[in-house]
Amino acid sequence: TATFVDNGDATTTYTGGDVGRWDENGHLVLSGRADNTVKIRGDLVEPAEIEATLASYDDIREVAVVAAAASGAAPTLTAYVAPST
């Protein structure tokens, strides 16, 4: 989750969960997220929240939600569900 951090020197840093590094040319290279959030159609989605909602149903024993993208395609979410009966 995003937060504002007081650096103690009259500056504030915004931490949004993105992970990156500076390359040898001084460019910022984004390499992913610090959490499991994925971007689906422009919205940040937490697969664990979807898993928790699906797992709350009595007739679902186990669930896993994953994000995947075919080559060149936008990512989509897939839920794998094991029924309790």
PDB file of N, CA and C in Angstrom:
ATOM      1  N   THR A   1       0.830  -1.190   0.000  1.00  0.00           N
ATOM      2  CA  THR A   1       0.000   0.000   0.000  1.00  0.00           C
ATOM      3  C   THR A   1       0.867   1.243   0.000  1.00  0.00           C
ATOM      4  N   ALA A   2       0.341   2.308  -0.509  1.00  0.00           N
ATOM      5  CA  ALA A   2       1.080   3.559  -0.618  1.00  0.00           C
ATOM      6  C   ALA A   2       1.054   4.317   0.700  1.00  0.00           C
ATOM      7  N   THR A   3       2.190   4.909   1.043  1.00  0.00           N
ATOM      8  CA  THR A   3       2.280   5.709   2.261  1.00  0.00           C
ATOM      9  C   THR A   3       3.233   6.882   2.034  1.00  0.00           C
ATOM     10  N   PHE A   4       3.083   7.898   2.875  1.00  0.00           N
ATOM     11  CA  PHE A   4       4.023   9.007   2.901  1.00  0.00           C
ATOM     12  C   PHE A   4       4.962   8.789   4.078  1.00  0.00           C
ATOM     13  N   VAL A   5       6.257   8.954   3.843  1.00  0.00           N
ATOM     14  CA  VAL A   5       7.268   8.738   4.873  1.00  0.00           C
ATOM     15  C   VAL A   5       7.986  10.055   5.135  1.00  0.00           C
ATOM     16  N   ASP A   6       8.011  10.478   6.410  1.00  0.00           N
ATOM     17  CA  ASP A   6       8.740  11.681   6.813  1.00  0.00           C
ATOM     18  C   ASP A   6      10.205  11.308   6.941  1.00  0.00           C
ATOM     19  N   ASN A   7      11.059  11.935   6.132  1.00  0.00           N
ATOM     20  CA  ASN A   7      12.483  11.609   6.124  1.00  0.00           C
ATOM     21  C   ASN A   7      13.266  12.265   7.256  1.00  0.00           C
ATOM     22  N   GLY A   8      12.616  13.145   8.037  1.00  0.00           N
ATOM     23  CA  GLY A   8      13.295  13.777   9.159  1.00  0.00           C
ATOM     24  C   GLY A   8      14.123  14.989   8.786  1.00  0.00           C
ATOM     25  N   ASP A   9      14.175  15.329   7.505  1.00  0.00           N
ATOM     26  CA  ASP A   9      14.955  16.488   7.065  1.00  0.00           C
ATOM     27  C   ASP A   9      14.087  17.476   6.286  1.00  0.00           C
ATOM     28  N   ALA A  10      12.826  17.590   6.690  1.00  0.00           N
ATOM     29  CA  ALA A  10      11.840  18.485   6.066  1.00  0.00           C
ATOM     30  C   ALA A  10      11.419  18.017   4.678  1.00  0.00           C
ATOM     31  N   THR A  11      11.736  16.763   4.337  1.00  0.00           N
ATOM     32  CA  THR A  11      11.273  16.198   3.068  1.00  0.00           C
ATOM     33  C   THR A  11      10.394  14.986   3.349  1.00  0.00           C
ATOM     34  N   THR A  12       9.559  14.667   2.396  1.00  0.00           N
ATOM     35  CA  THR A  12       8.669  13.519   2.510  1.00  0.00           C
ATOM     36  C   THR A  12       8.831  12.652   1.270  1.00  0.00           C
ATOM     37  N   THR A  13       8.847  11.362   1.475  1.00  0.00           N
ATOM     38  CA  THR A  13       8.936  10.416   0.371  1.00  0.00           C
ATOM     39  C   THR A  13       7.615   9.675   0.253  1.00  0.00           C
ATOM     40  N   TYR A  14       7.160   9.500  -0.970  1.00  0.00           N
ATOM     41  CA  TYR A  14       5.946   8.723  -1.230  1.00  0.00           C
ATOM     42  C   TYR A  14       6.373   7.325  -1.657  1.00  0.00           C
ATOM     43  N   THR A  15       5.949   6.315  -0.917  1.00  0.00           N
ATOM     44  CA  THR A  15       6.260   4.938  -1.288  1.00  0.00           C
ATOM     45  C   THR A  15       4.996   4.297  -1.840  1.00  0.00           C
ATOM     46  N   GLY A  16       5.052   3.899  -3.086  1.00  0.00           N
ATOM     47  CA  GLY A  16       3.873   3.369  -3.750  1.00  0.00           C
ATOM     48  C   GLY A  16       3.909   1.883  -4.010  1.00  0.00           C
ATOM     49  N   GLY A  17       4.987   1.205  -3.637  1.00  0.00           N
ATOM     50  CA  GLY A  17       5.063  -0.233  -3.824  1.00  0.00           C
ATOM     51  C   GLY A  17       5.815  -0.672  -5.062  1.00  0.00           C
ATOM     52  N   ASP A  18       6.224   0.282  -5.908  1.00  0.00           N
ATOM     53  CA  ASP A  18       7.001  -0.081  -7.090  1.00  0.00           C
ATOM     54  C   ASP A  18       8.453  -0.321  -6.693  1.00  0.00           C
ATOM     55  N   VAL A  19       9.102  -1.250  -7.378  1.00  0.00           N
ATOM     56  CA  VAL A  19      10.505  -1.566  -7.130  1.00  0.00           C
ATOM     57  C   VAL A  19      11.289  -1.196  -8.383  1.00  0.00           C
ATOM     58  N   GLY A  20      12.407  -0.518  -8.198  1.00  0.00           N
ATOM     59  CA  GLY A  20      13.212  -0.122  -9.346  1.00  0.00           C
ATOM     60  C   GLY A  20      14.664   0.045  -8.958  1.00  0.00           C
ATOM     61  N   ARG A  21      15.446   0.428  -9.943  1.00  0.00           N
ATOM     62  CA  ARG A  21      16.876   0.641  -9.717  1.00  0.00           C
ATOM     63  C   ARG A  21      17.367   1.675 -10.726  1.00  0.00           C
ATOM     64  N   TRP A  22      18.501   2.263 -10.421  1.00  0.00           N
ATOM     65  CA  TRP A  22      19.137   3.178 -11.359  1.00  0.00           C
ATOM     66  C   TRP A  22      20.106   2.366 -12.208  1.00  0.00           C
ATOM     67  N   ASP A  23      20.058   2.515 -13.532  1.00  0.00           N
ATOM     68  CA  ASP A  23      21.006   1.791 -14.376  1.00  0.00           C
ATOM     69  C   ASP A  23      22.300   2.590 -14.509  1.00  0.00           C
ATOM     70  N   GLU A  24      23.258   2.046 -15.250  1.00  0.00           N
ATOM     71  CA  GLU A  24      24.575   2.667 -15.370  1.00  0.00           C
ATOM     72  C   GLU A  24      24.538   4.017 -16.086  1.00  0.00           C
ATOM     73  N   ASN A  25      23.443   4.312 -16.802  1.00  0.00           N
ATOM     74  CA  ASN A  25      23.294   5.595 -17.487  1.00  0.00           C
ATOM     75  C   ASN A  25      22.493   6.608 -16.673  1.00  0.00           C
ATOM     76  N   GLY A  26      22.137   6.245 -15.434  1.00  0.00           N
ATOM     77  CA  GLY A  26      21.387   7.143 -14.580  1.00  0.00           C
ATOM     78  C   GLY A  26      19.891   7.129 -14.809  1.00  0.00           C
ATOM     79  N   HIS A  27      19.407   6.146 -15.569  1.00  0.00           N
ATOM     80  CA  HIS A  27      17.973   6.021 -15.823  1.00  0.00           C
ATOM     81  C   HIS A  27      17.332   5.116 -14.778  1.00  0.00           C
ATOM     82  N   LEU A  28      16.119   5.474 -14.399  1.00  0.00           N
ATOM     83  CA  LEU A  28      15.361   4.658 -13.456  1.00  0.00           C
ATOM     84  C   LEU A  28      14.687   3.525 -14.219  1.00  0.00           C
ATOM     85  N   VAL A  29      14.934   2.287 -13.791  1.00  0.00           N
ATOM     86  CA  VAL A  29      14.358   1.108 -14.431  1.00  0.00           C
ATOM     87  C   VAL A  29      13.402   0.459 -13.436  1.00  0.00           C
ATOM     88  N   LEU A  30      12.116   0.432 -13.780  1.00  0.00           N
ATOM     89  CA  LEU A  30      11.128  -0.214 -12.917  1.00  0.00           C
ATOM     90  C   LEU A  30      11.155  -1.711 -13.167  1.00  0.00           C
ATOM     91  N   SER A  31      11.182  -2.487 -12.078  1.00  0.00           N
ATOM     92  CA  SER A  31      11.304  -3.932 -12.231  1.00  0.00           C
ATOM     93  C   SER A  31      10.160  -4.719 -11.618  1.00  0.00           C
ATOM     94  N   GLY A  32       9.147  -4.055 -11.126  1.00  0.00           N
ATOM     95  CA  GLY A  32       8.005  -4.786 -10.577  1.00  0.00           C
ATOM     96  C   GLY A  32       7.434  -4.104  -9.352  1.00  0.00           C
ATOM     97  N   ARG A  33       6.808  -4.917  -8.515  1.00  0.00           N
ATOM     98  CA  ARG A  33       6.154  -4.417  -7.308  1.00  0.00           C
ATOM     99  C   ARG A  33       6.710  -5.141  -6.090  1.00  0.00           C
ATOM    100  N   ALA A  34       6.663  -4.460  -4.946  1.00  0.00           N
ATOM    101  CA  ALA A  34       7.123  -5.046  -3.689  1.00  0.00           C
ATOM    102  C   ALA A  34       6.069  -5.964  -3.089  1.00  0.00           C
ATOM    103  N   ASP A  35       4.843  -5.877  -3.588  1.00  0.00           N
ATOM    104  CA  ASP A  35       3.763  -6.729  -3.098  1.00  0.00           C
ATOM    105  C   ASP A  35       3.268  -7.600  -4.251  1.00  0.00           C
ATOM    106  N   ASN A  36       2.162  -8.259  -4.079  1.00  0.00           N
ATOM    107  CA  ASN A  36       1.630  -9.140  -5.119  1.00  0.00           C
ATOM    108  C   ASN A  36       0.566  -8.465  -5.973  1.00  0.00           C
ATOM    109  N   THR A  37       0.463  -7.145  -5.876  1.00  0.00           N
ATOM    110  CA  THR A  37      -0.527  -6.409  -6.642  1.00  0.00           C
ATOM    111  C   THR A  37      -0.197  -6.481  -8.130  1.00  0.00           C
ATOM    112  N   VAL A  38      -1.229  -6.659  -8.954  1.00  0.00           N
ATOM    113  CA  VAL A  38      -1.058  -6.676 -10.404  1.00  0.00           C
ATOM    114  C   VAL A  38      -1.978  -5.629 -11.021  1.00  0.00           C
ATOM    115  N   LYS A  39      -1.588  -5.135 -12.168  1.00  0.00           N
ATOM    116  CA  LYS A  39      -2.416  -4.143 -12.853  1.00  0.00           C
ATOM    117  C   LYS A  39      -3.238  -4.852 -13.921  1.00  0.00           C
ATOM    118  N   ILE A  40      -4.565  -4.741 -13.779  1.00  0.00           N
ATOM    119  CA  ILE A  40      -5.504  -5.327 -14.728  1.00  0.00           C
ATOM    120  C   ILE A  40      -6.348  -4.191 -15.294  1.00  0.00           C
ATOM    121  N   ARG A  41      -6.234  -3.954 -16.588  1.00  0.00           N
ATOM    122  CA  ARG A  41      -6.985  -2.883 -17.266  1.00  0.00           C
ATOM    123  C   ARG A  41      -6.839  -1.539 -16.562  1.00  0.00           C
ATOM    124  N   GLY A  42      -5.636  -1.264 -16.065  1.00  0.00           N
ATOM    125  CA  GLY A  42      -5.355   0.014 -15.433  1.00  0.00           C
ATOM    126  C   GLY A  42      -5.639   0.093 -13.947  1.00  0.00           C
ATOM    127  N   ASP A  43      -6.232  -0.952 -13.383  1.00  0.00           N
ATOM    128  CA  ASP A  43      -6.540  -0.968 -11.951  1.00  0.00           C
ATOM    129  C   ASP A  43      -5.586  -1.901 -11.220  1.00  0.00           C
ATOM    130  N   LEU A  44      -5.112  -1.476 -10.041  1.00  0.00           N
ATOM    131  CA  LEU A  44      -4.288  -2.355  -9.221  1.00  0.00           C
ATOM    132  C   LEU A  44      -5.198  -3.325  -8.482  1.00  0.00           C
ATOM    133  N   VAL A  45      -4.900  -4.604  -8.613  1.00  0.00           N
ATOM    134  CA  VAL A  45      -5.727  -5.663  -8.036  1.00  0.00           C
ATOM    135  C   VAL A  45      -4.847  -6.536  -7.154  1.00  0.00           C
ATOM    136  N   GLU A  46      -5.341  -6.897  -5.984  1.00  0.00           N
ATOM    137  CA  GLU A  46      -4.636  -7.781  -5.057  1.00  0.00           C
ATOM    138  C   GLU A  46      -5.268  -9.170  -5.149  1.00  0.00           C
ATOM    139  N   PRO A  47      -4.594 -10.137  -5.803  1.00  0.00           N
ATOM    140  CA  PRO A  47      -5.168 -11.481  -5.939  1.00  0.00           C
ATOM    141  C   PRO A  47      -5.566 -12.111  -4.606  1.00  0.00           C
ATOM    142  N   ALA A  48      -4.852 -11.819  -3.521  1.00  0.00           N
ATOM    143  CA  ALA A  48      -5.184 -12.401  -2.213  1.00  0.00           C
ATOM    144  C   ALA A  48      -6.563 -11.958  -1.733  1.00  0.00           C
ATOM    145  N   GLU A  49      -6.980 -10.750  -2.086  1.00  0.00           N
ATOM    146  CA  GLU A  49      -8.316 -10.288  -1.701  1.00  0.00           C
ATOM    147  C   GLU A  49      -9.395 -11.082  -2.431  1.00  0.00           C
ATOM    148  N   ILE A  50      -9.150 -11.396  -3.686  1.00  0.00           N
ATOM    149  CA  ILE A  50     -10.098 -12.209  -4.452  1.00  0.00           C
ATOM    150  C   ILE A  50     -10.126 -13.625  -3.890  1.00  0.00           C
ATOM    151  N   GLU A  51      -8.946 -14.161  -3.562  1.00  0.00           N
ATOM    152  CA  GLU A  51      -8.888 -15.495  -2.954  1.00  0.00           C
ATOM    153  C   GLU A  51      -9.685 -15.539  -1.656  1.00  0.00           C
ATOM    154  N   ALA A  52      -9.525 -14.528  -0.815  1.00  0.00           N
ATOM    155  CA  ALA A  52     -10.233 -14.494   0.471  1.00  0.00           C
ATOM    156  C   ALA A  52     -11.740 -14.449   0.269  1.00  0.00           C
ATOM    157  N   THR A  53     -12.184 -13.677  -0.707  1.00  0.00           N
ATOM    158  CA  THR A  53     -13.622 -13.594  -0.975  1.00  0.00           C
ATOM    159  C   THR A  53     -14.158 -14.932  -1.466  1.00  0.00           C
ATOM    160  N   LEU A  54     -13.463 -15.551  -2.405  1.00  0.00           N
ATOM    161  CA  LEU A  54     -13.910 -16.852  -2.917  1.00  0.00           C
ATOM    162  C   LEU A  54     -13.868 -17.916  -1.825  1.00  0.00           C
ATOM    163  N   ALA A  55     -12.820 -17.900  -0.992  1.00  0.00           N
ATOM    164  CA  ALA A  55     -12.679 -18.902   0.070  1.00  0.00           C
ATOM    165  C   ALA A  55     -13.744 -18.751   1.151  1.00  0.00           C
ATOM    166  N   SER A  56     -14.413 -17.607   1.207  1.00  0.00           N
ATOM    167  CA  SER A  56     -15.448 -17.405   2.221  1.00  0.00           C
ATOM    168  C   SER A  56     -16.725 -18.193   1.926  1.00  0.00           C
ATOM    169  N   TYR A  57     -16.850 -18.727   0.725  1.00  0.00           N
ATOM    170  CA  TYR A  57     -18.022 -19.535   0.383  1.00  0.00           C
ATOM    171  C   TYR A  57     -17.863 -20.943   0.946  1.00  0.00           C
ATOM    172  N   ASP A  58     -18.917 -21.470   1.556  1.00  0.00           N
ATOM    173  CA  ASP A  58     -18.867 -22.781   2.206  1.00  0.00           C
ATOM    174  C   ASP A  58     -18.508 -23.911   1.253  1.00  0.00           C
ATOM    175  N   ASP A  59     -18.926 -23.818   0.003  1.00  0.00           N
ATOM    176  CA  ASP A  59     -18.698 -24.928  -0.917  1.00  0.00           C
ATOM    177  C   ASP A  59     -17.371 -24.828  -1.670  1.00  0.00           C
ATOM    178  N   ILE A  60     -16.475 -23.927  -1.238  1.00  0.00           N
ATOM    179  CA  ILE A  60     -15.135 -23.838  -1.819  1.00  0.00           C
ATOM    180  C   ILE A  60     -14.123 -24.217  -0.747  1.00  0.00           C
ATOM    181  N   ARG A  61     -13.333 -25.261  -1.040  1.00  0.00           N
ATOM    182  CA  ARG A  61     -12.338 -25.768  -0.093  1.00  0.00           C
ATOM    183  C   ARG A  61     -11.005 -25.039  -0.226  1.00  0.00           C
ATOM    184  N   GLU A  62     -10.593 -24.786  -1.461  1.00  0.00           N
ATOM    185  CA  GLU A  62      -9.279 -24.182  -1.694  1.00  0.00           C
ATOM    186  C   GLU A  62      -9.345 -23.339  -2.963  1.00  0.00           C
ATOM    187  N   VAL A  63      -8.581 -22.248  -2.984  1.00  0.00           N
ATOM    188  CA  VAL A  63      -8.603 -21.360  -4.150  1.00  0.00           C
ATOM    189  C   VAL A  63      -7.237 -20.717  -4.339  1.00  0.00           C
ATOM    190  N   ALA A  64      -6.883 -20.491  -5.586  1.00  0.00           N
ATOM    191  CA  ALA A  64      -5.669 -19.751  -5.934  1.00  0.00           C
ATOM    192  C   ALA A  64      -6.008 -18.828  -7.095  1.00  0.00           C
ATOM    193  N   VAL A  65      -5.577 -17.582  -7.010  1.00  0.00           N
ATOM    194  CA  VAL A  65      -5.804 -16.608  -8.075  1.00  0.00           C
ATOM    195  C   VAL A  65      -4.444 -16.158  -8.584  1.00  0.00           C
ATOM    196  N   VAL A  66      -4.257 -16.247  -9.893  1.00  0.00           N
ATOM    197  CA  VAL A  66      -2.981 -15.868 -10.502  1.00  0.00           C
ATOM    198  C   VAL A  66      -3.230 -14.919 -11.669  1.00  0.00           C
ATOM    199  N   ALA A  67      -2.250 -14.080 -11.922  1.00  0.00           N
ATOM    200  CA  ALA A  67      -2.290 -13.199 -13.084  1.00  0.00           C
ATOM    201  C   ALA A  67      -1.285 -13.724 -14.097  1.00  0.00           C
ATOM    202  N   ALA A  68      -1.698 -13.761 -15.337  1.00  0.00           N
ATOM    203  CA  ALA A  68      -0.811 -14.226 -16.396  1.00  0.00           C
ATOM    204  C   ALA A  68      -1.153 -13.490 -17.680  1.00  0.00           C
ATOM    205  N   ALA A  69      -0.171 -13.405 -18.563  1.00  0.00           N
ATOM    206  CA  ALA A  69      -0.391 -12.760 -19.856  1.00  0.00           C
ATOM    207  C   ALA A  69       0.263 -13.598 -20.940  1.00  0.00           C
ATOM    208  N   ALA A  70      -0.483 -13.845 -21.987  1.00  0.00           N
ATOM    209  CA  ALA A  70       0.095 -14.493 -23.161  1.00  0.00           C
ATOM    210  C   ALA A  70       1.046 -13.491 -23.816  1.00  0.00           C
ATOM    211  N   SER A  71       1.916 -13.966 -24.641  1.00  0.00           N
ATOM    212  CA  SER A  71       2.898 -13.111 -25.292  1.00  0.00           C
ATOM    213  C   SER A  71       2.224 -11.930 -25.992  1.00  0.00           C
ATOM    214  N   GLY A  72       2.553 -10.727 -25.553  1.00  0.00           N
ATOM    215  CA  GLY A  72       2.018  -9.515 -26.151  1.00  0.00           C
ATOM    216  C   GLY A  72       0.606  -9.152 -25.727  1.00  0.00           C
ATOM    217  N   ALA A  73      -0.011  -9.957 -24.894  1.00  0.00           N
ATOM    218  CA  ALA A  73      -1.388  -9.694 -24.469  1.00  0.00           C
ATOM    219  C   ALA A  73      -1.408  -9.024 -23.096  1.00  0.00           C
ATOM    220  N   ALA A  74      -2.520  -8.406 -22.780  1.00  0.00           N
ATOM    221  CA  ALA A  74      -2.709  -7.798 -21.462  1.00  0.00           C
ATOM    222  C   ALA A  74      -2.913  -8.896 -20.426  1.00  0.00           C
ATOM    223  N   PRO A  75      -2.440  -8.694 -19.192  1.00  0.00           N
ATOM    224  CA  PRO A  75      -2.626  -9.725 -18.167  1.00  0.00           C
ATOM    225  C   PRO A  75      -4.094  -9.909 -17.791  1.00  0.00           C
ATOM    226  N   THR A  76      -4.430 -11.136 -17.446  1.00  0.00           N
ATOM    227  CA  THR A  76      -5.771 -11.469 -16.971  1.00  0.00           C
ATOM    228  C   THR A  76      -5.640 -12.271 -15.686  1.00  0.00           C
ATOM    229  N   LEU A  77      -6.700 -12.298 -14.904  1.00  0.00           N
ATOM    230  CA  LEU A  77      -6.731 -13.086 -13.675  1.00  0.00           C
ATOM    231  C   LEU A  77      -7.441 -14.402 -13.940  1.00  0.00           C
ATOM    232  N   THR A  78      -6.917 -15.465 -13.339  1.00  0.00           N
ATOM    233  CA  THR A  78      -7.556 -16.774 -13.394  1.00  0.00           C
ATOM    234  C   THR A  78      -7.669 -17.298 -11.975  1.00  0.00           C
ATOM    235  N   ALA A  79      -8.851 -17.778 -11.613  1.00  0.00           N
ATOM    236  CA  ALA A  79      -9.070 -18.371 -10.292  1.00  0.00           C
ATOM    237  C   ALA A  79      -9.163 -19.878 -10.450  1.00  0.00           C
ATOM    238  N   TYR A  80      -8.356 -20.596  -9.683  1.00  0.00           N
ATOM    239  CA  TYR A  80      -8.408 -22.059  -9.632  1.00  0.00           C
ATOM    240  C   TYR A  80      -9.126 -22.418  -8.339  1.00  0.00           C
ATOM    241  N   VAL A  81     -10.214 -23.148  -8.456  1.00  0.00           N
ATOM    242  CA  VAL A  81     -11.080 -23.415  -7.314  1.00  0.00           C
ATOM    243  C   VAL A  81     -11.242 -24.912  -7.120  1.00  0.00           C
ATOM    244  N   ALA A  82     -11.058 -25.374  -5.863  1.00  0.00           N
ATOM    245  CA  ALA A  82     -11.330 -26.769  -5.495  1.00  0.00           C
ATOM    246  C   ALA A  82     -12.584 -26.775  -4.630  1.00  0.00           C
ATOM    247  N   PRO A  83     -13.646 -27.424  -5.106  1.00  0.00           N
ATOM    248  CA  PRO A  83     -14.877 -27.455  -4.318  1.00  0.00           C
ATOM    249  C   PRO A  83     -14.710 -28.311  -3.068  1.00  0.00           C
ATOM    250  N   SER A  84     -15.527 -28.047  -2.069  1.00  0.00           N
ATOM    251  CA  SER A  84     -15.426 -28.796  -0.815  1.00  0.00           C
ATOM    252  C   SER A  84     -16.115 -30.152  -0.898  1.00  0.00           C
ATOM    253  N   THR A  85     -16.891 -30.394  -1.928  1.00  0.00           N
ATOM    254  CA  THR A  85     -17.539 -31.707  -2.079  1.00  0.00           C
ATOM    255  C   THR A  85     -17.124 -32.366  -3.358  1.00  0.00           C
TER     256      THR A  85
END
